[in-house]
Amino acid sequence: QVQLVESGGGLVQPGGSLRLSCAASGLTFSSYVMSWYRQAPGKERELVAVITRNGGNTNYVDSVKGRFTISRDNVKNTMYLQMNSLKPEDTAVYYCKAAHWTMIRNVYWGQGTQVTVSS
């Protein structure tokens, strides 16, 4: 049984930092491209950042470039999102997603973690 469990969300003031974690189990973690998505109230879910299987390549939505860093540890089966210089518009539920690099039907989502940026 595949499980993705996000943690690390919370309430932070503008300009603050948070680090999200996504712990994976029940899958061969290194076979999966991992990504972070977010969904704000009344908005569609959007891709925030993606990282390749070995962590060698990453990509970000323009709005978080230079502030967020995605990383992964294939020994700990965990992905991270370091979020700095947070803005109120970063407020959303953040989800992690695992997508197998060849078996396109093998896609899994976590339950989400709330990030609220407010003074």
N, C-alpha and C. Protein backbone atom coordinates (compact mmCIF):
# COMPACT_ATOMS: atom_id res chain seq x y z
N GLN A 1 0.85 -1.20 0.00
CA GLN A 1 0.00 0.00 0.00
C GLN A 1 0.88 1.25 0.00
N VAL A 2 0.67 2.06 -1.02
CA VAL A 2 1.47 3.28 -1.15
C VAL A 2 0.90 4.37 -0.25
N GLN A 3 1.79 5.02 0.46
CA GLN A 3 1.40 6.16 1.28
C GLN A 3 2.37 7.31 1.07
N LEU A 4 1.81 8.49 0.92
CA LEU A 4 2.58 9.73 0.90
C LEU A 4 2.04 10.60 2.03
N VAL A 5 2.90 10.97 2.95
CA VAL A 5 2.46 11.73 4.12
C VAL A 5 3.23 13.04 4.18
N GLU A 6 2.50 14.14 4.01
CA GLU A 6 3.11 15.46 4.09
C GLU A 6 3.11 15.94 5.54
N SER A 7 4.09 16.75 5.87
CA SER A 7 4.16 17.38 7.18
C SER A 7 4.94 18.68 7.06
N GLY A 8 4.87 19.49 8.12
CA GLY A 8 5.67 20.71 8.15
C GLY A 8 4.89 21.99 7.88
N GLY A 9 3.62 21.87 7.55
CA GLY A 9 2.83 23.06 7.30
C GLY A 9 2.52 23.79 8.59
N GLY A 10 1.92 24.97 8.44
CA GLY A 10 1.56 25.74 9.62
C GLY A 10 1.32 27.19 9.28
N LEU A 11 1.26 28.00 10.33
CA LEU A 11 1.06 29.44 10.20
C LEU A 11 2.40 30.15 10.33
N VAL A 12 2.69 31.03 9.40
CA VAL A 12 3.95 31.76 9.42
C VAL A 12 3.70 33.19 8.97
N GLN A 13 4.49 34.11 9.47
CA GLN A 13 4.36 35.51 9.07
C GLN A 13 4.99 35.75 7.70
N PRO A 14 4.54 36.75 6.98
CA PRO A 14 5.19 37.10 5.70
C PRO A 14 6.68 37.30 5.90
N GLY A 15 7.44 36.76 4.96
CA GLY A 15 8.90 36.82 5.05
C GLY A 15 9.51 35.64 5.78
N GLY A 16 8.68 34.82 6.39
CA GLY A 16 9.17 33.67 7.15
C GLY A 16 9.46 32.47 6.27
N SER A 17 9.83 31.37 6.93
CA SER A 17 10.22 30.15 6.23
C SER A 17 9.51 28.95 6.82
N LEU A 18 9.33 27.95 5.98
CA LEU A 18 8.83 26.65 6.40
C LEU A 18 9.51 25.60 5.54
N ARG A 19 9.64 24.39 6.09
CA ARG A 19 10.12 23.27 5.31
C ARG A 19 9.08 22.16 5.36
N LEU A 20 8.57 21.82 4.19
CA LEU A 20 7.61 20.72 4.08
C LEU A 20 8.36 19.43 3.80
N SER A 21 7.82 18.33 4.30
CA SER A 21 8.35 17.01 4.03
C SER A 21 7.25 16.12 3.47
N CYS A 22 7.64 15.18 2.62
CA CYS A 22 6.72 14.19 2.09
C CYS A 22 7.40 12.83 2.24
N ALA A 23 6.92 12.05 3.18
CA ALA A 23 7.49 10.74 3.45
C ALA A 23 6.72 9.68 2.66
N ALA A 24 7.44 8.90 1.88
CA ALA A 24 6.82 7.90 1.01
C ALA A 24 7.08 6.49 1.55
N SER A 25 6.10 5.63 1.38
CA SER A 25 6.27 4.22 1.74
C SER A 25 5.43 3.38 0.79
N GLY A 26 5.83 2.11 0.66
CA GLY A 26 5.09 1.19 -0.20
C GLY A 26 5.42 1.30 -1.66
N LEU A 27 6.47 2.02 -2.01
CA LEU A 27 6.88 2.15 -3.41
C LEU A 27 8.40 2.23 -3.48
N THR A 28 8.92 2.01 -4.69
CA THR A 28 10.35 2.17 -4.92
C THR A 28 10.59 3.65 -5.22
N PHE A 29 10.93 4.36 -4.19
CA PHE A 29 10.94 5.84 -4.25
C PHE A 29 11.79 6.36 -5.40
N SER A 30 12.92 5.75 -5.64
CA SER A 30 13.84 6.26 -6.67
C SER A 30 13.31 6.07 -8.09
N SER A 31 12.21 5.35 -8.24
CA SER A 31 11.60 5.15 -9.57
C SER A 31 10.55 6.21 -9.88
N TYR A 32 10.36 7.13 -8.96
CA TYR A 32 9.28 8.10 -9.10
C TYR A 32 9.80 9.53 -9.23
N VAL A 33 9.24 10.22 -10.21
CA VAL A 33 9.40 11.67 -10.29
C VAL A 33 8.48 12.26 -9.22
N MET A 34 9.03 13.15 -8.43
CA MET A 34 8.26 13.71 -7.32
C MET A 34 7.97 15.19 -7.56
N SER A 35 6.84 15.64 -7.07
CA SER A 35 6.48 17.04 -7.26
C SER A 35 5.62 17.54 -6.10
N TRP A 36 5.62 18.85 -5.98
CA TRP A 36 4.76 19.55 -5.02
C TRP A 36 3.72 20.35 -5.82
N TYR A 37 2.49 20.27 -5.39
CA TYR A 37 1.40 21.07 -5.91
C TYR A 37 0.81 21.86 -4.75
N ARG A 38 0.03 22.87 -5.10
CA ARG A 38 -0.70 23.59 -4.07
C ARG A 38 -2.06 24.02 -4.62
N GLN A 39 -2.98 24.18 -3.69
CA GLN A 39 -4.33 24.62 -4.06
C GLN A 39 -4.81 25.63 -3.04
N ALA A 40 -5.05 26.84 -3.51
CA ALA A 40 -5.58 27.90 -2.67
C ALA A 40 -7.11 27.87 -2.76
N PRO A 41 -7.78 28.42 -1.78
CA PRO A 41 -9.25 28.44 -1.79
C PRO A 41 -9.79 29.08 -3.06
N GLY A 42 -10.70 28.40 -3.73
CA GLY A 42 -11.32 28.94 -4.93
C GLY A 42 -10.47 28.89 -6.18
N LYS A 43 -9.30 28.25 -6.07
CA LYS A 43 -8.39 28.18 -7.23
C LYS A 43 -8.11 26.74 -7.59
N GLU A 44 -7.62 26.55 -8.81
CA GLU A 44 -7.24 25.21 -9.25
C GLU A 44 -5.91 24.82 -8.63
N ARG A 45 -5.73 23.52 -8.53
CA ARG A 45 -4.44 23.03 -8.04
C ARG A 45 -3.37 23.34 -9.08
N GLU A 46 -2.22 23.83 -8.60
CA GLU A 46 -1.14 24.20 -9.52
C GLU A 46 0.16 23.50 -9.13
N LEU A 47 0.95 23.21 -10.14
CA LEU A 47 2.27 22.62 -9.93
C LEU A 47 3.20 23.70 -9.39
N VAL A 48 3.89 23.38 -8.31
CA VAL A 48 4.82 24.32 -7.70
C VAL A 48 6.26 23.98 -8.08
N ALA A 49 6.62 22.71 -7.93
CA ALA A 49 8.00 22.30 -8.20
C ALA A 49 8.03 20.81 -8.49
N VAL A 50 9.02 20.41 -9.28
CA VAL A 50 9.18 19.01 -9.64
C VAL A 50 10.66 18.66 -9.58
N ILE A 51 10.94 17.40 -9.23
CA ILE A 51 12.31 16.94 -9.14
C ILE A 51 12.42 15.56 -9.76
N THR A 52 13.48 15.35 -10.53
CA THR A 52 13.67 14.08 -11.20
C THR A 52 14.07 12.98 -10.21
N ARG A 53 14.14 11.76 -10.72
CA ARG A 53 14.33 10.60 -9.84
C ARG A 53 15.60 10.66 -9.02
N ASN A 54 16.67 11.14 -9.62
CA ASN A 54 17.94 11.19 -8.88
C ASN A 54 18.22 12.57 -8.29
N GLY A 55 17.25 13.48 -8.44
CA GLY A 55 17.40 14.81 -7.90
C GLY A 55 18.27 15.74 -8.72
N GLY A 56 18.69 15.27 -9.89
CA GLY A 56 19.61 16.05 -10.69
C GLY A 56 18.99 17.24 -11.41
N ASN A 57 17.69 17.19 -11.59
CA ASN A 57 17.01 18.30 -12.28
C ASN A 57 15.77 18.69 -11.51
N THR A 58 15.55 20.00 -11.47
CA THR A 58 14.37 20.54 -10.79
C THR A 58 13.75 21.63 -11.66
N ASN A 59 12.49 21.91 -11.40
CA ASN A 59 11.82 22.98 -12.11
C ASN A 59 10.78 23.59 -11.18
N TYR A 60 10.52 24.88 -11.39
CA TYR A 60 9.63 25.61 -10.48
C TYR A 60 8.66 26.49 -11.28
N VAL A 61 7.52 26.72 -10.69
CA VAL A 61 6.63 27.74 -11.25
C VAL A 61 7.28 29.09 -11.01
N ASP A 62 7.06 30.02 -11.93
CA ASP A 62 7.77 31.30 -11.87
C ASP A 62 7.57 32.03 -10.54
N SER A 63 6.40 31.91 -9.96
CA SER A 63 6.08 32.68 -8.76
C SER A 63 6.89 32.27 -7.54
N VAL A 64 7.54 31.11 -7.57
CA VAL A 64 8.32 30.67 -6.41
C VAL A 64 9.82 30.57 -6.70
N LYS A 65 10.22 30.82 -7.92
CA LYS A 65 11.63 30.74 -8.27
C LYS A 65 12.46 31.69 -7.41
N GLY A 66 13.57 31.16 -6.90
CA GLY A 66 14.44 31.95 -6.05
C GLY A 66 14.02 31.97 -4.59
N ARG A 67 12.83 31.44 -4.28
CA ARG A 67 12.36 31.41 -2.89
C ARG A 67 12.17 29.98 -2.37
N PHE A 68 11.76 29.09 -3.24
CA PHE A 68 11.50 27.70 -2.84
C PHE A 68 12.59 26.79 -3.41
N THR A 69 12.90 25.73 -2.67
CA THR A 69 13.85 24.73 -3.13
C THR A 69 13.29 23.34 -2.87
N ILE A 70 13.20 22.56 -3.94
CA ILE A 70 12.74 21.17 -3.82
C ILE A 70 13.97 20.27 -3.75
N SER A 71 13.87 19.24 -2.94
CA SER A 71 14.97 18.28 -2.83
C SER A 71 14.39 16.93 -2.42
N ARG A 72 15.24 15.90 -2.49
CA ARG A 72 14.79 14.57 -2.11
C ARG A 72 15.94 13.78 -1.53
N ASP A 73 15.61 12.81 -0.71
CA ASP A 73 16.59 11.90 -0.13
C ASP A 73 16.10 10.49 -0.45
N ASN A 74 16.76 9.84 -1.41
CA ASN A 74 16.30 8.52 -1.85
C ASN A 74 16.66 7.41 -0.86
N VAL A 75 17.43 7.72 0.14
CA VAL A 75 17.70 6.75 1.21
C VAL A 75 16.58 6.81 2.25
N LYS A 76 16.15 8.02 2.56
CA LYS A 76 15.08 8.21 3.54
C LYS A 76 13.69 8.16 2.91
N ASN A 77 13.62 8.02 1.59
CA ASN A 77 12.33 8.00 0.88
C ASN A 77 11.50 9.23 1.20
N THR A 78 12.14 10.36 1.17
CA THR A 78 11.48 11.61 1.57
C THR A 78 11.82 12.73 0.60
N MET A 79 10.82 13.55 0.32
CA MET A 79 11.01 14.74 -0.50
C MET A 79 10.76 15.96 0.39
N TYR A 80 11.39 17.06 0.03
CA TYR A 80 11.28 18.27 0.84
C TYR A 80 10.94 19.47 -0.04
N LEU A 81 10.38 20.48 0.60
CA LEU A 81 10.20 21.78 -0.05
C LEU A 81 10.58 22.84 0.97
N GLN A 82 11.73 23.45 0.76
CA GLN A 82 12.15 24.56 1.60
C GLN A 82 11.54 25.83 1.04
N MET A 83 10.77 26.51 1.85
CA MET A 83 10.06 27.71 1.41
C MET A 83 10.55 28.90 2.22
N ASN A 84 11.18 29.85 1.54
CA ASN A 84 11.69 31.06 2.17
C ASN A 84 10.96 32.29 1.64
N SER A 85 11.11 33.39 2.35
CA SER A 85 10.49 34.66 1.93
C SER A 85 9.02 34.46 1.57
N LEU A 86 8.31 33.79 2.45
CA LEU A 86 6.93 33.46 2.16
C LEU A 86 6.05 34.70 2.06
N LYS A 87 5.07 34.61 1.18
CA LYS A 87 4.14 35.70 0.92
C LYS A 87 2.71 35.23 1.20
N PRO A 88 1.82 36.15 1.48
CA PRO A 88 0.42 35.74 1.72
C PRO A 88 -0.16 34.93 0.56
N GLU A 89 0.28 35.23 -0.65
CA GLU A 89 -0.24 34.49 -1.80
C GLU A 89 0.28 33.06 -1.89
N ASP A 90 1.19 32.69 -1.03
CA ASP A 90 1.64 31.30 -0.94
C ASP A 90 0.69 30.45 -0.09
N THR A 91 -0.26 31.09 0.55
CA THR A 91 -1.22 30.36 1.37
C THR A 91 -2.01 29.37 0.54
N ALA A 92 -1.98 28.11 0.94
CA ALA A 92 -2.64 27.04 0.18
C ALA A 92 -2.47 25.73 0.94
N VAL A 93 -3.17 24.72 0.47
CA VAL A 93 -2.88 23.35 0.89
C VAL A 93 -1.83 22.82 -0.08
N TYR A 94 -0.76 22.30 0.45
CA TYR A 94 0.34 21.78 -0.36
C TYR A 94 0.28 20.25 -0.39
N TYR A 95 0.37 19.70 -1.60
CA TYR A 95 0.27 18.26 -1.81
C TYR A 95 1.55 17.74 -2.45
N CYS A 96 1.95 16.55 -2.08
CA CYS A 96 3.02 15.90 -2.82
C CYS A 96 2.43 14.84 -3.75
N LYS A 97 3.13 14.64 -4.84
CA LYS A 97 2.69 13.70 -5.86
C LYS A 97 3.88 12.85 -6.29
N ALA A 98 3.61 11.57 -6.48
CA ALA A 98 4.62 10.64 -6.99
C ALA A 98 4.12 10.07 -8.31
N ALA A 99 4.94 10.14 -9.34
CA ALA A 99 4.58 9.62 -10.66
C ALA A 99 5.70 8.71 -11.14
N HIS A 100 5.37 7.44 -11.41
CA HIS A 100 6.38 6.51 -11.89
C HIS A 100 6.93 6.97 -13.23
N TRP A 101 8.21 6.77 -13.43
CA TRP A 101 8.85 7.34 -14.62
C TRP A 101 8.47 6.63 -15.91
N THR A 102 7.93 5.39 -15.85
CA THR A 102 7.49 4.71 -17.06
C THR A 102 6.04 4.24 -16.97
N MET A 103 5.60 3.82 -15.81
CA MET A 103 4.23 3.30 -15.67
C MET A 103 3.30 4.46 -15.33
N ILE A 104 2.72 5.04 -16.38
CA ILE A 104 2.01 6.31 -16.22
C ILE A 104 0.77 6.19 -15.35
N ARG A 105 0.28 4.96 -15.13
CA ARG A 105 -0.89 4.81 -14.27
C ARG A 105 -0.52 4.86 -12.80
N ASN A 106 0.72 4.71 -12.50
CA ASN A 106 1.17 4.70 -11.10
C ASN A 106 1.44 6.14 -10.65
N VAL A 107 0.36 6.78 -10.22
CA VAL A 107 0.43 8.15 -9.73
C VAL A 107 -0.25 8.18 -8.36
N TYR A 108 0.43 8.78 -7.40
CA TYR A 108 -0.09 8.81 -6.03
C TYR A 108 0.01 10.22 -5.47
N TRP A 109 -0.95 10.52 -4.59
CA TRP A 109 -1.02 11.84 -3.96
C TRP A 109 -1.03 11.69 -2.44
N GLY A 110 -0.47 12.69 -1.78
CA GLY A 110 -0.61 12.77 -0.33
C GLY A 110 -1.91 13.46 0.03
N GLN A 111 -2.13 13.58 1.34
CA GLN A 111 -3.40 14.14 1.82
C GLN A 111 -3.36 15.66 1.94
N GLY A 112 -2.17 16.23 1.85
CA GLY A 112 -2.02 17.68 1.90
C GLY A 112 -1.68 18.22 3.27
N THR A 113 -1.01 19.35 3.28
CA THR A 113 -0.69 20.06 4.52
C THR A 113 -0.95 21.55 4.30
N GLN A 114 -1.58 22.17 5.27
CA GLN A 114 -1.97 23.57 5.13
C GLN A 114 -0.80 24.49 5.44
N VAL A 115 -0.59 25.45 4.56
CA VAL A 115 0.38 26.53 4.79
C VAL A 115 -0.39 27.84 4.76
N THR A 116 -0.28 28.60 5.83
CA THR A 116 -0.95 29.88 5.93
C THR A 116 0.08 30.96 6.22
N VAL A 117 0.14 31.95 5.35
CA VAL A 117 1.09 33.06 5.52
C VAL A 117 0.28 34.31 5.84
N SER A 118 0.40 34.76 7.07
CA SER A 118 -0.41 35.89 7.52
C SER A 118 0.24 36.54 8.72
N SER A 119 0.04 37.85 8.82
CA SER A 119 0.53 38.58 9.99
C SER A 119 -0.55 38.68 11.06
